[in-house]
Amino acid sequence: MKQLSEATYKNDFVAQFKGDTTGSAKPRQTPGVFYGLIKPTPVKEPLLLAWSDELAKELGLTRPTDSKEIDLLAGNTILPNMKSYAARYGGHQFGNWAGQLGDGRAITLSELITSQNKKFELQLKGAGPTPYSRRADGRAVLRSSVREYLMSEAMYYLGVPTTRALSLVATGDDVLRDMFYNGHPAYEPGAIVMRVAPTFLRFGNYEIFTALGETENLKKLVNWTIEQHFPHIKGKNKVLQWFREVVIKTAALMVEWMRVGFVHGVMNTDNMSILGLTIDYGPYSFVDDFDLNFTPNTTDLPGRRYAFGKQPSVAKWNLGCLAGALAPLFPDTKELVSVLEEYDEAFWMRYYRMMGDKTGIDDINEDDVTLLRNFEKTLNHTKADMTIFFQLLINLPMNANEEKLIAHFNDSFYSELNEEQKTEFFTLLKDYIQRVNKNKISAEERVALMKRTNPRFILRNYLLHQAIEELTNGEDKLFAQLQQAMKEPYTNKWDQFFAKRPDWASRTAGCSMLSCSS
């Protein structure tokens, strides 16, 4: 185990590809390059607020012991063997091509090499302006940084593919933000998250080259991506094989989001990881009352393009954009289109198996598919709390009458059900009980399967909101509790948080709705 300053680093991405080496943070177009070299901008008073011991252990790192190590986490210094940069990429935002985007407030320091010879990119989010900051300051506020730090680690413990967060540092500087883009900016405390992933490459890294006719750069990046991150793929059709893997990984990620009720909020193609990881935590939320049309992002209104139930189809649309970016590498698009169409089967096969696990149904047949769709429809009509409903389903009293069956779920309802809703709810439960009684697995095995699949603790927005308020006021009790609770989401050890969203949270900014500035 080593201090951050003693670890082994490489700069393979910088060494492999052409970059803008001026070091200037002036916002500009950078045609023909993959990145712009840039150093983080120092902050006034860095203070370590959080450190992931578990991730650090995987990286072979020990907790920082002095100000020099914390300065690295804050971007106040970088090591001589680090070549820090901001990546250039483009993207489709809310369905429209946005041109060059790039890392506007993220700076990759270097690639850390572990003792097992695994490579991880270390990236500071909120470390100052880059060539791609456009009109922004490259900074991040404590509010958004706490949300990213906690949620990326929480998703890891939920078993959802994700980027990770190693540290959270308060900067001692205030940052001006207009939280809801409504003309009321205010100063907020600044912070920096150190993010960790095998790579932060996203669909937009490939799109920008095709959009501007930089086919040679596209070819180089695709080949390097396969070589570095998909080394098992060989042969003449390796680009097509690679695209198929990205399709499958993305479909699998969407199933995991739907399993735990996660809503990303801003599924632009520049926020889609080439490794099928959850990336760029902004205006996200978990679903409280089940609503397929729920979006936590004010910027996504009124169209709700990125609503909870639309995420799987948006992912396929985004994969279509990636296919379009890869098109110059093929004589025609037939093969790419054919692989893209494999997405539907890849998603639905996994989705119904996942829903079977959530409900404790063993082998899925066509009749089961109808039943599982009815779960979705009924929850959508009754607006039961998703997490609490599936927890209560685990211990459903199989021989109870209609009144007791519905009463069993009372703690999951945000309002009393009307007669029509009660009828629909009871019909679902009756059909479910009949199906479960045909299971080939035992009741004990069914319960164990459901407990493994359905989280009991999730990082609800109102809890994050309260933790952020406390931290802003110099208290960290709830923040510390959430850091522990998120590591055991499938247990009942943290049942003080096993409750519906309170009424006040539905009307409070930062709980019910957020923005891309959140």
Protein backbone atom coordinates (compact mmCIF):
# COMPACT_ATOMS: atom_id res chain seq x y z
CA MET A 1 0.00 0.00 0.00
CA LYS A 2 1.34 3.40 -1.01
CA GLN A 3 0.54 7.06 -0.68
CA LEU A 4 -0.94 8.64 -3.80
CA SER A 5 2.35 10.42 -4.49
CA GLU A 6 4.28 7.11 -4.40
CA ALA A 7 2.08 5.14 -6.82
CA THR A 8 3.09 4.09 -10.34
CA TYR A 9 1.63 6.17 -13.19
CA LYS A 10 1.53 6.07 -16.95
CA ASN A 11 0.31 8.57 -19.54
CA ASP A 12 -0.53 6.17 -22.35
CA PHE A 13 -3.45 8.15 -23.76
CA VAL A 14 -1.38 11.33 -24.01
CA ALA A 15 1.60 9.44 -25.42
CA GLN A 16 -0.50 7.62 -28.01
CA PHE A 17 -2.52 10.49 -29.43
CA LYS A 18 -2.06 14.02 -30.66
CA GLY A 19 -3.14 16.77 -28.33
CA ASP A 20 -3.24 20.53 -27.97
CA THR A 21 -0.08 21.08 -25.92
CA THR A 22 -0.30 24.84 -25.38
CA GLY A 23 -1.62 24.39 -21.83
CA SER A 24 -4.04 27.24 -22.35
CA ALA A 25 -7.47 27.13 -20.70
CA LYS A 26 -8.92 29.61 -23.15
CA PRO A 27 -12.19 28.14 -24.50
CA ARG A 28 -11.76 27.23 -28.13
CA GLN A 29 -12.28 24.66 -30.86
CA THR A 30 -9.41 22.15 -31.03
CA PRO A 31 -9.76 20.37 -34.38
CA GLY A 32 -7.63 17.34 -35.12
CA VAL A 33 -6.68 16.50 -31.52
CA PHE A 34 -7.84 14.06 -28.85
CA TYR A 35 -7.26 16.26 -25.80
CA GLY A 36 -5.84 19.49 -24.49
CA LEU A 37 -3.06 19.42 -21.93
CA ILE A 38 -4.16 21.46 -18.93
CA LYS A 39 -3.21 21.72 -15.27
CA PRO A 40 -5.75 22.02 -12.45
CA THR A 41 -6.19 25.49 -10.99
CA PRO A 42 -5.15 25.64 -7.30
CA VAL A 43 -7.80 26.21 -4.61
CA LYS A 44 -7.60 28.22 -1.42
CA GLU A 45 -8.05 25.77 1.45
CA PRO A 46 -8.43 22.08 0.56
CA LEU A 47 -10.04 19.91 3.22
CA LEU A 48 -10.57 16.16 2.86
CA LEU A 49 -14.25 15.41 3.54
CA ALA A 50 -14.43 11.79 2.40
CA TRP A 51 -12.17 8.96 1.28
CA SER A 52 -13.19 5.52 -0.01
CA ASP A 53 -11.03 3.04 1.90
CA GLU A 54 -12.44 0.15 -0.12
CA LEU A 55 -11.59 1.68 -3.50
CA ALA A 56 -8.23 2.84 -2.16
CA LYS A 57 -7.42 -0.73 -1.17
CA GLU A 58 -8.20 -1.90 -4.71
CA LEU A 59 -5.87 0.79 -6.04
CA GLY A 60 -3.16 -0.06 -3.51
CA LEU A 61 -3.41 3.34 -1.82
CA THR A 62 -3.39 4.40 1.82
CA ARG A 63 -5.45 7.21 3.26
CA PRO A 64 -3.74 10.64 2.86
CA THR A 65 -1.75 11.58 5.93
CA ASP A 66 -0.52 15.06 5.14
CA SER A 67 -1.37 18.24 3.26
CA LYS A 68 0.82 17.31 0.27
CA GLU A 69 -1.36 14.27 -0.47
CA ILE A 70 -4.55 16.28 -0.04
CA ASP A 71 -3.11 18.91 -2.40
CA LEU A 72 -2.97 16.18 -5.06
CA LEU A 73 -6.67 15.38 -4.49
CA ALA A 74 -7.49 19.08 -4.76
CA GLY A 75 -5.39 19.76 -7.86
CA ASN A 76 -3.14 22.18 -6.03
CA THR A 77 -0.17 20.11 -7.16
CA ILE A 78 0.38 17.33 -9.66
CA LEU A 79 3.30 14.94 -9.79
CA PRO A 80 6.15 15.43 -12.30
CA ASN A 81 5.27 12.10 -13.95
CA MET A 82 1.64 13.12 -14.56
CA LYS A 83 0.51 14.71 -17.82
CA SER A 84 -2.92 16.06 -16.99
CA TYR A 85 -5.43 16.73 -19.75
CA ALA A 86 -9.03 17.42 -20.67
CA ALA A 87 -10.49 15.12 -23.32
CA ARG A 88 -12.10 16.42 -26.49
CA TYR A 89 -15.44 14.91 -27.48
CA GLY A 90 -18.81 15.86 -28.92
CA GLY A 91 -22.30 14.59 -28.33
CA HIS A 92 -26.01 14.58 -28.94
CA GLN A 93 -27.75 16.51 -26.19
CA PHE A 94 -31.51 16.05 -25.80
CA GLY A 95 -31.59 14.53 -29.28
CA ASN A 96 -29.63 17.26 -31.09
CA TRP A 97 -26.02 17.33 -32.22
CA ALA A 98 -24.20 19.79 -29.95
CA GLY A 99 -20.82 19.86 -31.68
CA GLN A 100 -17.59 19.95 -29.70
CA LEU A 101 -18.11 19.57 -25.96
CA GLY A 102 -15.22 17.99 -24.07
CA ASP A 103 -14.20 17.87 -20.41
CA GLY A 104 -15.35 21.28 -19.28
CA ARG A 105 -14.77 20.71 -15.57
CA ALA A 106 -12.94 17.39 -15.46
CA ILE A 107 -9.18 16.97 -15.70
CA THR A 108 -7.58 13.54 -15.99
CA LEU A 109 -4.36 13.51 -14.01
CA SER A 110 -2.82 10.24 -15.16
CA GLU A 111 -3.31 6.46 -15.32
CA LEU A 112 -2.54 4.68 -12.06
CA ILE A 113 -1.06 1.18 -12.40
CA THR A 114 -1.85 -1.23 -9.56
CA SER A 115 0.36 -4.04 -8.29
CA GLN A 116 -1.87 -6.42 -10.32
CA ASN A 117 -0.99 -4.34 -13.41
CA LYS A 118 -4.53 -2.97 -13.72
CA LYS A 119 -4.88 0.52 -15.11
CA PHE A 120 -7.24 3.20 -13.74
CA GLU A 121 -7.65 6.78 -14.87
CA LEU A 122 -7.68 9.33 -12.05
CA GLN A 123 -9.80 12.34 -12.85
CA LEU A 124 -10.57 15.49 -10.86
CA LYS A 125 -14.04 16.94 -11.34
CA GLY A 126 -14.28 20.62 -10.49
CA ALA A 127 -10.55 21.34 -10.78
CA GLY A 128 -10.81 24.51 -12.86
CA PRO A 129 -11.21 25.71 -16.45
CA THR A 130 -10.13 23.72 -19.51
CA PRO A 131 -10.17 24.47 -23.25
CA TYR A 132 -13.65 22.88 -23.26
CA SER A 133 -15.24 24.88 -20.44
CA ARG A 134 -16.89 27.23 -22.94
CA ARG A 135 -18.46 30.00 -20.79
CA ALA A 136 -18.16 28.05 -17.52
CA ASP A 137 -15.58 28.22 -14.73
CA GLY A 138 -14.65 24.53 -14.59
CA ARG A 139 -15.60 24.34 -10.93
CA ALA A 140 -18.07 22.16 -9.02
CA VAL A 141 -20.10 23.02 -5.93
CA LEU A 142 -20.27 20.99 -2.74
CA ARG A 143 -23.88 20.09 -3.49
CA SER A 144 -23.17 18.32 -6.78
CA SER A 145 -19.88 16.88 -5.55
CA VAL A 146 -21.45 15.21 -2.51
CA ARG A 147 -24.10 13.76 -4.80
CA GLU A 148 -21.49 12.35 -7.20
CA TYR A 149 -19.23 10.99 -4.49
CA LEU A 150 -22.00 9.21 -2.59
CA MET A 151 -24.00 7.95 -5.56
CA SER A 152 -21.13 6.53 -7.58
CA GLU A 153 -20.04 4.53 -4.53
CA ALA A 154 -23.64 3.59 -3.66
CA MET A 155 -24.21 2.23 -7.16
CA TYR A 156 -21.08 0.11 -6.81
CA TYR A 157 -22.45 -1.54 -3.68
CA LEU A 158 -25.82 -2.04 -5.35
CA GLY A 159 -23.99 -4.05 -8.00
CA VAL A 160 -24.59 -1.55 -10.81
CA PRO A 161 -21.67 -0.96 -13.24
CA THR A 162 -20.31 2.50 -12.45
CA THR A 163 -17.37 4.84 -12.29
CA ARG A 164 -16.11 5.18 -8.72
CA ALA A 165 -15.15 8.04 -6.42
CA LEU A 166 -11.97 7.96 -4.35
CA SER A 167 -12.20 11.27 -2.51
CA LEU A 168 -14.21 14.39 -1.84
CA VAL A 169 -12.37 17.60 -1.03
CA ALA A 170 -13.81 20.96 0.00
CA THR A 171 -11.89 23.78 -1.70
CA GLY A 172 -12.47 26.73 0.61
CA ASP A 173 -13.58 28.75 -2.44
CA ASP A 174 -17.11 29.88 -3.24
CA VAL A 175 -18.60 29.14 -6.64
CA LEU A 176 -21.39 31.11 -8.33
CA ARG A 177 -24.24 28.91 -9.60
CA ASP A 178 -27.73 29.45 -10.97
CA MET A 179 -29.17 26.17 -9.73
CA PHE A 180 -32.34 26.21 -11.83
CA TYR A 181 -31.20 28.53 -14.63
CA ASN A 182 -33.89 30.98 -13.57
CA GLY A 183 -31.81 34.12 -13.18
CA HIS A 184 -31.15 33.75 -9.45
CA PRO A 185 -27.47 32.80 -9.10
CA ALA A 186 -25.96 32.40 -5.64
CA TYR A 187 -22.55 31.59 -4.20
CA GLU A 188 -22.05 28.08 -2.90
CA PRO A 189 -19.07 26.29 -1.34
CA GLY A 190 -16.84 24.57 -3.89
CA ALA A 191 -15.58 20.99 -3.90
CA ILE A 192 -13.64 18.49 -6.02
CA VAL A 193 -14.25 14.76 -6.52
CA MET A 194 -11.53 12.39 -7.63
CA ARG A 195 -13.25 9.98 -10.03
CA VAL A 196 -11.81 6.60 -10.98
CA ALA A 197 -12.52 4.32 -13.96
CA PRO A 198 -10.59 2.08 -16.35
CA THR A 199 -11.46 4.75 -18.92
CA PHE A 200 -13.75 7.74 -19.18
CA LEU A 201 -14.15 7.31 -22.96
CA ARG A 202 -17.73 7.94 -24.02
CA PHE A 203 -19.75 7.70 -27.23
CA GLY A 204 -19.00 11.35 -27.92
CA ASN A 205 -15.26 10.71 -28.20
CA TYR A 206 -15.96 8.82 -31.44
CA GLU A 207 -18.80 11.05 -32.66
CA ILE A 208 -16.68 14.19 -32.80
CA PHE A 209 -14.21 12.67 -35.26
CA THR A 210 -16.88 11.48 -37.68
CA ALA A 211 -18.83 14.73 -37.43
CA LEU A 212 -15.76 16.68 -38.53
CA GLY A 213 -14.45 14.16 -41.06
CA GLU A 214 -11.43 13.13 -38.96
CA THR A 215 -11.60 9.48 -40.04
CA GLU A 216 -7.97 8.65 -39.34
CA ASN A 217 -8.35 9.85 -35.75
CA LEU A 218 -11.53 7.79 -35.45
CA LYS A 219 -9.73 4.69 -36.70
CA LYS A 220 -6.84 5.22 -34.28
CA LEU A 221 -9.14 5.67 -31.28
CA VAL A 222 -11.28 2.63 -32.09
CA ASN A 223 -8.26 0.38 -32.53
CA TRP A 224 -6.67 1.67 -29.33
CA THR A 225 -9.92 1.22 -27.38
CA ILE A 226 -10.18 -2.40 -28.45
CA GLU A 227 -6.51 -3.04 -27.76
CA GLN A 228 -6.60 -1.46 -24.29
CA HIS A 229 -10.07 -2.27 -22.98
CA PHE A 230 -11.32 -5.22 -25.07
CA PRO A 231 -8.05 -7.15 -25.64
CA HIS A 232 -9.89 -10.45 -26.11
CA ILE A 233 -11.35 -9.16 -29.39
CA LYS A 234 -9.16 -10.12 -32.34
CA GLY A 235 -9.47 -10.68 -36.06
CA LYS A 236 -10.76 -9.03 -39.20
CA ASN A 237 -14.22 -8.12 -37.83
CA LYS A 238 -12.97 -6.81 -34.50
CA VAL A 239 -14.68 -3.40 -34.82
CA LEU A 240 -18.05 -5.05 -35.35
CA GLN A 241 -17.42 -7.48 -32.49
CA TRP A 242 -16.48 -4.54 -30.29
CA PHE A 243 -19.64 -2.64 -31.19
CA ARG A 244 -21.67 -5.75 -30.33
CA GLU A 245 -20.05 -5.86 -26.88
CA VAL A 246 -20.84 -2.18 -26.32
CA VAL A 247 -24.46 -2.86 -27.31
CA ILE A 248 -24.72 -5.76 -24.88
CA LYS A 249 -22.99 -3.92 -22.03
CA THR A 250 -25.26 -0.92 -22.51
CA ALA A 251 -28.39 -3.11 -22.54
CA ALA A 252 -27.21 -4.82 -19.35
CA LEU A 253 -26.61 -1.43 -17.71
CA MET A 254 -30.15 -0.30 -18.51
CA VAL A 255 -31.54 -3.45 -16.89
CA GLU A 256 -29.56 -2.68 -13.74
CA TRP A 257 -30.86 0.90 -13.66
CA MET A 258 -34.42 -0.38 -13.97
CA ARG A 259 -33.80 -2.99 -11.27
CA VAL A 260 -32.90 -0.48 -8.59
CA GLY A 261 -35.09 2.38 -9.87
CA PHE A 262 -32.25 4.69 -10.92
CA VAL A 263 -32.96 7.61 -13.26
CA HIS A 264 -29.85 9.22 -14.76
CA GLY A 265 -31.63 12.40 -15.82
CA VAL A 266 -29.38 13.43 -18.71
CA MET A 267 -28.60 10.52 -21.04
CA ASN A 268 -26.83 12.55 -23.70
CA THR A 269 -24.38 10.57 -25.85
CA ASP A 270 -21.48 12.38 -24.17
CA ASN A 271 -22.70 10.82 -20.89
CA MET A 272 -22.64 7.23 -22.20
CA SER A 273 -19.61 5.14 -21.21
CA ILE A 274 -17.99 2.94 -23.81
CA LEU A 275 -17.55 0.32 -21.05
CA GLY A 276 -21.22 0.28 -20.09
CA LEU A 277 -20.63 2.13 -16.82
CA THR A 278 -22.87 4.68 -15.14
CA ILE A 279 -21.02 7.93 -15.73
CA ASP A 280 -21.49 11.66 -15.02
CA TYR A 281 -23.83 11.88 -12.02
CA GLY A 282 -25.84 15.08 -12.34
CA PRO A 283 -29.60 15.52 -11.93
CA TYR A 284 -30.16 11.84 -11.09
CA SER A 285 -32.66 10.31 -8.70
CA PHE A 286 -34.00 7.02 -7.52
CA VAL A 287 -37.68 6.48 -8.14
CA ASP A 288 -39.79 6.97 -5.01
CA ASP A 289 -43.43 6.55 -6.10
CA PHE A 290 -43.27 4.32 -9.16
CA ASP A 291 -43.76 6.42 -12.29
CA LEU A 292 -42.42 5.42 -15.70
CA ASN A 293 -42.73 9.06 -16.79
CA PHE A 294 -40.68 10.42 -13.88
CA THR A 295 -37.72 12.64 -14.67
CA PRO A 296 -35.74 14.40 -11.93
CA ASN A 297 -34.26 16.91 -14.38
CA THR A 298 -35.96 20.28 -14.85
CA THR A 299 -33.99 20.69 -18.08
CA ASP A 300 -35.77 17.58 -19.39
CA LEU A 301 -39.21 19.19 -19.14
CA PRO A 302 -41.74 19.17 -20.69
CA GLY A 303 -40.69 16.43 -23.13
CA ARG A 304 -39.34 14.01 -20.48
CA ARG A 305 -36.98 12.47 -23.02
CA TYR A 306 -34.93 10.86 -20.26
CA ALA A 307 -37.79 9.68 -18.03
CA PHE A 308 -37.41 6.47 -16.03
CA GLY A 309 -39.32 4.21 -18.41
CA LYS A 310 -37.71 5.71 -21.52
CA GLN A 311 -34.12 5.01 -20.53
CA PRO A 312 -33.83 1.64 -22.34
CA SER A 313 -35.09 3.08 -25.64
CA VAL A 314 -32.89 6.17 -25.29
CA ALA A 315 -29.89 3.90 -24.79
CA LYS A 316 -30.65 2.21 -28.11
CA TRP A 317 -31.00 5.63 -29.79
CA ASN A 318 -27.62 6.61 -28.37
CA LEU A 319 -26.11 3.37 -29.63
CA GLY A 320 -27.48 4.32 -33.04
CA CYS A 321 -25.48 7.54 -32.80
CA LEU A 322 -22.38 5.52 -31.96
CA ALA A 323 -23.08 3.25 -34.94
CA GLY A 324 -23.32 6.35 -37.11
CA ALA A 325 -19.95 7.49 -35.78
CA LEU A 326 -18.40 4.13 -36.71
CA ALA A 327 -19.97 4.06 -40.17
CA PRO A 328 -16.88 5.50 -41.98
CA LEU A 329 -15.00 2.34 -40.99
CA PHE A 330 -17.40 0.12 -42.97
CA PRO A 331 -18.25 -0.13 -46.70
CA ASP A 332 -21.94 0.21 -45.79
CA THR A 333 -24.07 0.29 -42.65
CA LYS A 334 -25.82 -3.09 -43.02
CA GLU A 335 -23.70 -4.93 -40.47
CA LEU A 336 -23.80 -2.06 -37.96
CA VAL A 337 -27.58 -1.84 -38.22
CA SER A 338 -27.87 -5.60 -37.80
CA VAL A 339 -25.81 -5.52 -34.59
CA LEU A 340 -27.73 -2.51 -33.31
CA GLU A 341 -30.97 -4.45 -33.71
CA GLU A 342 -29.57 -7.10 -31.36
CA TYR A 343 -30.07 -4.57 -28.57
CA ASP A 344 -33.77 -5.36 -28.16
CA GLU A 345 -33.24 -9.05 -27.50
CA ALA A 346 -30.22 -8.35 -25.30
CA PHE A 347 -32.27 -5.93 -23.19
CA TRP A 348 -35.58 -7.77 -22.93
CA MET A 349 -34.04 -11.16 -22.21
CA ARG A 350 -32.14 -9.66 -19.27
CA TYR A 351 -35.02 -7.43 -18.22
CA TYR A 352 -37.55 -10.21 -17.77
CA ARG A 353 -35.02 -12.39 -15.99
CA MET A 354 -34.29 -9.46 -13.67
CA MET A 355 -38.00 -8.91 -13.03
CA GLY A 356 -38.34 -12.62 -12.35
CA ASP A 357 -35.60 -12.30 -9.74
CA LYS A 358 -37.26 -9.24 -8.18
CA THR A 359 -40.55 -11.11 -7.84
CA GLY A 360 -39.10 -14.53 -7.05
CA ILE A 361 -40.35 -16.28 -10.18
CA ASP A 362 -38.04 -19.08 -11.33
CA ASP A 363 -38.34 -19.99 -15.04
CA ILE A 364 -39.84 -17.23 -17.19
CA ASN A 365 -42.41 -18.22 -19.85
CA GLU A 366 -44.76 -16.16 -22.05
CA ASP A 367 -47.50 -16.06 -19.40
CA ASP A 368 -44.94 -14.82 -16.89
CA VAL A 369 -43.99 -11.99 -19.23
CA THR A 370 -47.61 -10.81 -19.14
CA LEU A 371 -47.62 -10.99 -15.34
CA LEU A 372 -44.35 -9.09 -15.05
CA ARG A 373 -45.67 -6.37 -17.38
CA ASN A 374 -48.71 -6.15 -15.13
CA PHE A 375 -46.46 -5.44 -12.16
CA GLU A 376 -45.11 -2.46 -14.08
CA LYS A 377 -48.60 -1.26 -15.10
CA THR A 378 -50.14 -1.66 -11.65
CA LEU A 379 -47.28 0.07 -9.86
CA ASN A 380 -47.48 2.87 -12.39
CA HIS A 381 -51.24 3.27 -11.74
CA THR A 382 -51.05 3.05 -7.95
CA LYS A 383 -47.78 5.00 -7.55
CA ALA A 384 -46.56 2.69 -4.78
CA ASP A 385 -43.05 3.35 -3.50
CA MET A 386 -40.88 1.10 -5.66
CA THR A 387 -38.26 0.11 -3.08
CA ILE A 388 -40.73 -0.44 -0.24
CA PHE A 389 -43.22 -2.34 -2.44
CA PHE A 390 -40.67 -4.95 -3.52
CA GLN A 391 -39.41 -5.33 0.04
CA LEU A 392 -42.96 -5.96 1.27
CA LEU A 393 -43.54 -8.40 -1.60
CA ILE A 394 -40.77 -10.61 -0.19
CA ASN A 395 -42.87 -11.39 2.88
CA LEU A 396 -46.29 -11.41 1.23
CA PRO A 397 -48.91 -13.31 3.34
CA MET A 398 -49.92 -15.86 0.70
CA ASN A 399 -53.17 -16.97 2.35
CA ALA A 400 -54.56 -13.56 3.34
CA ASN A 401 -57.85 -12.15 2.05
CA GLU A 402 -58.11 -9.14 -0.25
CA GLU A 403 -58.27 -6.57 2.54
CA LYS A 404 -55.23 -7.94 4.36
CA LEU A 405 -53.23 -8.37 1.17
CA ILE A 406 -53.68 -4.72 0.23
CA ALA A 407 -53.15 -3.57 3.82
CA HIS A 408 -49.80 -5.40 3.79
CA PHE A 409 -48.56 -2.74 1.34
CA ASN A 410 -49.98 0.32 3.12
CA ASP A 411 -46.51 1.59 4.02
CA SER A 412 -45.66 1.80 0.30
CA PHE A 413 -48.64 3.99 -0.72
CA TYR A 414 -48.32 7.76 -0.94
CA SER A 415 -52.11 8.15 -1.00
CA GLU A 416 -55.05 5.87 -0.29
CA LEU A 417 -56.07 3.67 -3.21
CA ASN A 418 -59.47 4.16 -4.80
CA GLU A 419 -61.71 1.18 -5.53
CA GLU A 420 -60.46 0.76 -9.09
CA GLN A 421 -56.85 0.78 -7.92
CA LYS A 422 -57.63 -1.70 -5.14
CA THR A 423 -59.21 -4.09 -7.64
CA GLU A 424 -56.24 -3.85 -9.98
CA PHE A 425 -53.78 -4.27 -7.11
CA PHE A 426 -55.55 -7.32 -5.69
CA THR A 427 -55.87 -8.94 -9.13
CA LEU A 428 -52.11 -8.60 -9.60
CA LEU A 429 -51.35 -10.12 -6.21
CA LYS A 430 -53.81 -12.98 -6.74
CA ASP A 431 -52.25 -13.84 -10.12
CA TYR A 432 -48.80 -13.54 -8.59
CA ILE A 433 -49.58 -15.92 -5.73
CA GLN A 434 -50.95 -18.49 -8.16
CA ARG A 435 -47.75 -18.27 -10.23
CA VAL A 436 -45.36 -18.42 -7.27
CA ASN A 437 -47.12 -21.55 -6.01
CA LYS A 438 -45.98 -23.24 -9.25
CA ASN A 439 -42.31 -22.42 -8.62
CA LYS A 440 -39.85 -25.28 -8.75
CA ILE A 441 -37.65 -23.52 -6.20
CA SER A 442 -38.58 -23.56 -2.52
CA ALA A 443 -40.13 -20.63 -0.67
CA GLU A 444 -36.82 -20.12 1.14
CA GLU A 445 -34.94 -19.98 -2.15
CA ARG A 446 -37.50 -17.55 -3.56
CA VAL A 447 -37.11 -15.22 -0.57
CA ALA A 448 -33.31 -15.40 -0.76
CA LEU A 449 -33.41 -14.56 -4.49
CA MET A 450 -35.68 -11.56 -3.89
CA LYS A 451 -33.53 -10.28 -1.04
CA ARG A 452 -30.43 -10.42 -3.24
CA THR A 453 -32.15 -8.53 -6.05
CA ASN A 454 -34.19 -5.85 -4.26
CA PRO A 455 -32.30 -3.17 -2.32
CA ARG A 456 -33.71 -2.16 1.04
CA PHE A 457 -31.63 1.02 1.29
CA ILE A 458 -31.31 3.54 -1.54
CA LEU A 459 -29.82 7.03 -1.51
CA ARG A 460 -33.04 8.99 -1.81
CA ASN A 461 -32.74 12.61 -2.89
CA TYR A 462 -34.17 13.97 0.34
CA LEU A 463 -31.46 12.17 2.34
CA LEU A 464 -28.78 13.61 0.08
CA HIS A 465 -30.38 17.04 0.44
CA GLN A 466 -30.32 16.82 4.23
CA ALA A 467 -26.71 15.59 4.27
CA ILE A 468 -25.63 18.45 2.00
CA GLU A 469 -27.38 21.02 4.20
CA GLU A 470 -25.66 19.61 7.28
CA LEU A 471 -22.25 19.64 5.60
CA THR A 472 -22.77 23.22 4.50
CA ASN A 473 -23.38 24.05 8.17
CA GLY A 474 -20.27 22.21 9.31
CA GLU A 475 -21.96 18.97 10.46
CA ASP A 476 -21.28 15.54 9.00
CA LYS A 477 -23.34 13.06 11.10
CA LEU A 478 -25.85 12.15 8.37
CA PHE A 479 -23.14 12.22 5.69
CA ALA A 480 -21.14 9.68 7.70
CA GLN A 481 -24.22 7.49 8.24
CA LEU A 482 -25.05 7.46 4.54
CA GLN A 483 -21.48 6.47 3.70
CA GLN A 484 -21.94 3.39 5.88
CA ALA A 485 -25.52 2.58 4.89
CA MET A 486 -24.77 2.63 1.16
CA LYS A 487 -22.29 -0.23 1.66
CA GLU A 488 -25.03 -2.57 2.94
CA PRO A 489 -28.06 -1.81 0.75
CA TYR A 490 -29.50 -5.35 0.88
CA THR A 491 -29.62 -5.61 4.67
CA ASN A 492 -32.00 -4.21 7.32
CA LYS A 493 -29.17 -2.65 9.34
CA TRP A 494 -30.16 0.86 8.29
CA ASP A 495 -33.93 0.70 8.61
CA GLN A 496 -34.06 4.22 10.06
CA PHE A 497 -33.87 5.17 6.36
CA PHE A 498 -36.46 2.60 5.23
CA ALA A 499 -39.29 5.07 4.71
CA LYS A 500 -41.20 6.85 1.97
CA ARG A 501 -40.18 10.28 0.77
CA PRO A 502 -41.64 12.81 3.25
CA ASP A 503 -44.23 15.32 2.01
CA TRP A 504 -41.90 18.30 2.46
CA ALA A 505 -39.38 16.75 0.05
CA SER A 506 -41.92 16.88 -2.79
CA ARG A 507 -41.88 20.67 -2.61
CA THR A 508 -38.20 21.30 -1.88
CA ALA A 509 -35.62 22.24 -4.51
CA GLY A 510 -32.88 19.66 -4.67
CA CYS A 511 -35.23 16.87 -3.53
CA SER A 512 -38.08 16.65 -6.00
CA MET A 513 -36.44 18.24 -9.06
CA LEU A 514 -32.92 19.15 -10.01
CA SER A 515 -31.15 20.65 -13.00
CA CYS A 516 -28.01 19.97 -14.99
CA SER A 517 -26.40 22.44 -12.58
CA SER A 518 -27.23 20.13 -9.69
